């Protein structure tokens, strides 16, 4: 698996994934990269998945763990442009309702700028 990090906005890190995210070194590498970003005070993370060809259940668990770490750090982690095969893994497990997905890296980065939805009325 390949991982390349770049900034798309001053406070948003884009993590481009390529290859296969499967049990073993690939999962550890992604987790380490996200932890490095969080230590560098970059808790807004876009996982750009255009080049990710396959992800197994361990890969899914790693992405969810990274999402959780980003949330605990006061940020968020979203997906950009996952291939159908990869997105189906999120959909089948209902993780698509937890970790949000966007059609492009630009749309994913812009999601951080959107205001929070209003709280429900308690009247």
Protein backbone atom coordinates (compact mmCIF):
# COMPACT_ATOMS: atom_id res chain seq x y z
CA UNK A 1 0.00 0.00 0.00
CA UNK A 2 1.12 3.56 -0.63
CA UNK A 3 0.32 6.59 1.49
CA UNK A 4 1.06 10.17 0.52
CA UNK A 5 0.13 13.15 2.72
CA UNK A 6 -0.38 16.68 1.49
CA UNK A 7 -2.33 19.71 2.65
CA UNK A 8 -5.38 20.90 0.73
CA UNK A 9 -6.13 23.71 3.16
CA UNK A 10 -3.99 25.06 6.01
CA UNK A 11 -5.84 22.95 8.56
CA UNK A 12 -6.87 19.93 6.43
CA UNK A 13 -4.57 17.00 5.65
CA UNK A 14 -5.20 14.93 2.55
CA UNK A 15 -4.01 11.32 2.89
CA UNK A 16 -3.90 9.62 -0.52
CA UNK A 17 -4.17 5.85 -0.32
CA UNK A 18 -3.16 3.43 -3.06
CA UNK A 19 -3.12 -0.32 -3.43
CA UNK A 20 -4.67 -2.61 -0.83
CA UNK A 21 -5.58 -1.82 2.78
CA UNK A 22 -5.42 -5.24 4.41
CA UNK A 23 -4.41 -6.89 7.66
CA UNK A 24 -0.77 -6.34 8.51
CA UNK A 25 1.69 -3.63 7.56
CA UNK A 26 -0.79 -1.57 5.51
CA UNK A 27 -3.14 -1.10 8.46
CA UNK A 28 -0.28 -0.25 10.81
CA UNK A 29 1.13 2.27 8.34
CA UNK A 30 -2.20 4.10 8.01
CA UNK A 31 -2.73 4.18 11.76
CA UNK A 32 0.79 5.54 12.31
CA UNK A 33 0.30 8.23 9.63
CA UNK A 34 -2.98 9.41 11.18
CA UNK A 35 -1.43 9.47 14.66
CA UNK A 36 1.46 11.59 13.29
CA UNK A 37 -1.05 14.06 11.83
CA UNK A 38 -2.93 14.26 15.12
CA UNK A 39 0.32 14.87 17.04
CA UNK A 40 1.07 17.66 14.54
CA UNK A 41 -2.31 19.23 15.43
CA UNK A 42 -3.94 18.30 12.11
CA UNK A 43 -7.19 16.64 13.26
CA UNK A 44 -9.12 17.32 10.02
CA UNK A 45 -8.26 14.44 7.72
CA UNK A 46 -9.46 13.43 4.26
CA UNK A 47 -8.68 9.86 3.21
CA UNK A 48 -8.51 10.08 -0.59
CA UNK A 49 -9.33 6.57 -1.83
CA UNK A 50 -9.29 6.83 -5.62
CA UNK A 51 -6.22 4.59 -5.81
CA UNK A 52 -7.34 2.14 -3.14
CA UNK A 53 -8.22 -1.06 -4.99
CA UNK A 54 -9.25 -3.29 -2.08
CA UNK A 55 -9.92 -3.12 1.63
CA UNK A 56 -10.62 -6.07 3.92
CA UNK A 57 -12.34 -6.07 7.32
CA UNK A 58 -9.06 -5.21 9.06
CA UNK A 59 -8.73 -2.19 6.76
CA UNK A 60 -12.26 -1.13 7.61
CA UNK A 61 -11.49 -1.47 11.31
CA UNK A 62 -8.36 0.64 10.87
CA UNK A 63 -10.27 3.41 9.10
CA UNK A 64 -12.89 3.40 11.87
CA UNK A 65 -10.12 3.51 14.51
CA UNK A 66 -8.54 6.48 12.71
CA UNK A 67 -11.95 8.19 12.57
CA UNK A 68 -12.38 7.66 16.31
CA UNK A 69 -8.92 9.06 17.07
CA UNK A 70 -9.60 12.15 14.94
CA UNK A 71 -12.94 12.75 16.70
CA UNK A 72 -11.29 12.40 20.14
CA UNK A 73 -8.71 14.97 19.04
CA UNK A 74 -11.52 17.44 18.24
CA UNK A 75 -11.42 16.88 14.50
CA UNK A 76 -12.95 14.59 11.94
CA UNK A 77 -12.00 12.09 9.26
CA UNK A 78 -13.91 11.74 6.00
CA UNK A 79 -13.48 9.70 2.83
CA UNK A 80 -13.01 11.00 -0.70
CA UNK A 81 -13.81 9.14 -3.91
CA UNK A 82 -13.77 5.53 -2.73
CA UNK A 83 -14.06 2.97 -5.51
CA UNK A 84 -17.34 1.03 -5.53
CA UNK A 85 -15.74 -2.14 -4.16
CA UNK A 86 -14.27 -0.22 -1.22
CA UNK A 87 -17.39 1.84 -0.58
CA UNK A 88 -19.52 -1.34 -0.56
CA UNK A 89 -17.52 -2.51 2.47
CA UNK A 90 -18.64 0.61 4.34
CA UNK A 91 -22.22 0.33 3.08
CA UNK A 92 -22.68 -3.37 3.92
CA UNK A 93 -21.43 -2.83 7.46
CA UNK A 94 -23.43 0.43 7.84
CA UNK A 95 -20.21 2.30 8.59
CA UNK A 96 -21.14 4.69 5.76
CA UNK A 97 -23.53 6.32 8.24
CA UNK A 98 -20.60 6.94 10.62
CA UNK A 99 -17.65 7.79 8.36
CA UNK A 100 -18.93 10.19 5.71
CA UNK A 101 -17.91 9.86 2.07
CA UNK A 102 -17.67 12.52 -0.64
CA UNK A 103 -17.25 12.24 -4.42
CA UNK A 104 -13.99 14.20 -4.50
CA UNK A 105 -11.16 15.39 -2.26
CA UNK A 106 -12.31 18.98 -2.80
CA UNK A 107 -15.86 18.20 -1.65
CA UNK A 108 -14.51 16.29 1.34
CA UNK A 109 -12.25 19.19 2.35
CA UNK A 110 -15.13 21.65 1.93
CA UNK A 111 -17.25 19.54 4.31
CA UNK A 112 -15.08 20.81 7.16
CA UNK A 113 -16.12 24.38 6.35
CA UNK A 114 -19.85 23.66 6.47
CA UNK A 115 -21.56 24.94 9.61
CA UNK A 116 -22.88 22.36 12.04
CA UNK A 117 -26.57 21.58 11.60
CA UNK A 118 -28.85 23.32 14.08
CA UNK A 119 -29.73 21.42 17.23
CA UNK A 120 -33.23 19.95 17.29
CA UNK A 121 -35.86 22.04 18.96
CA UNK A 122 -36.95 20.94 22.43
CA UNK A 123 -40.14 22.99 22.56
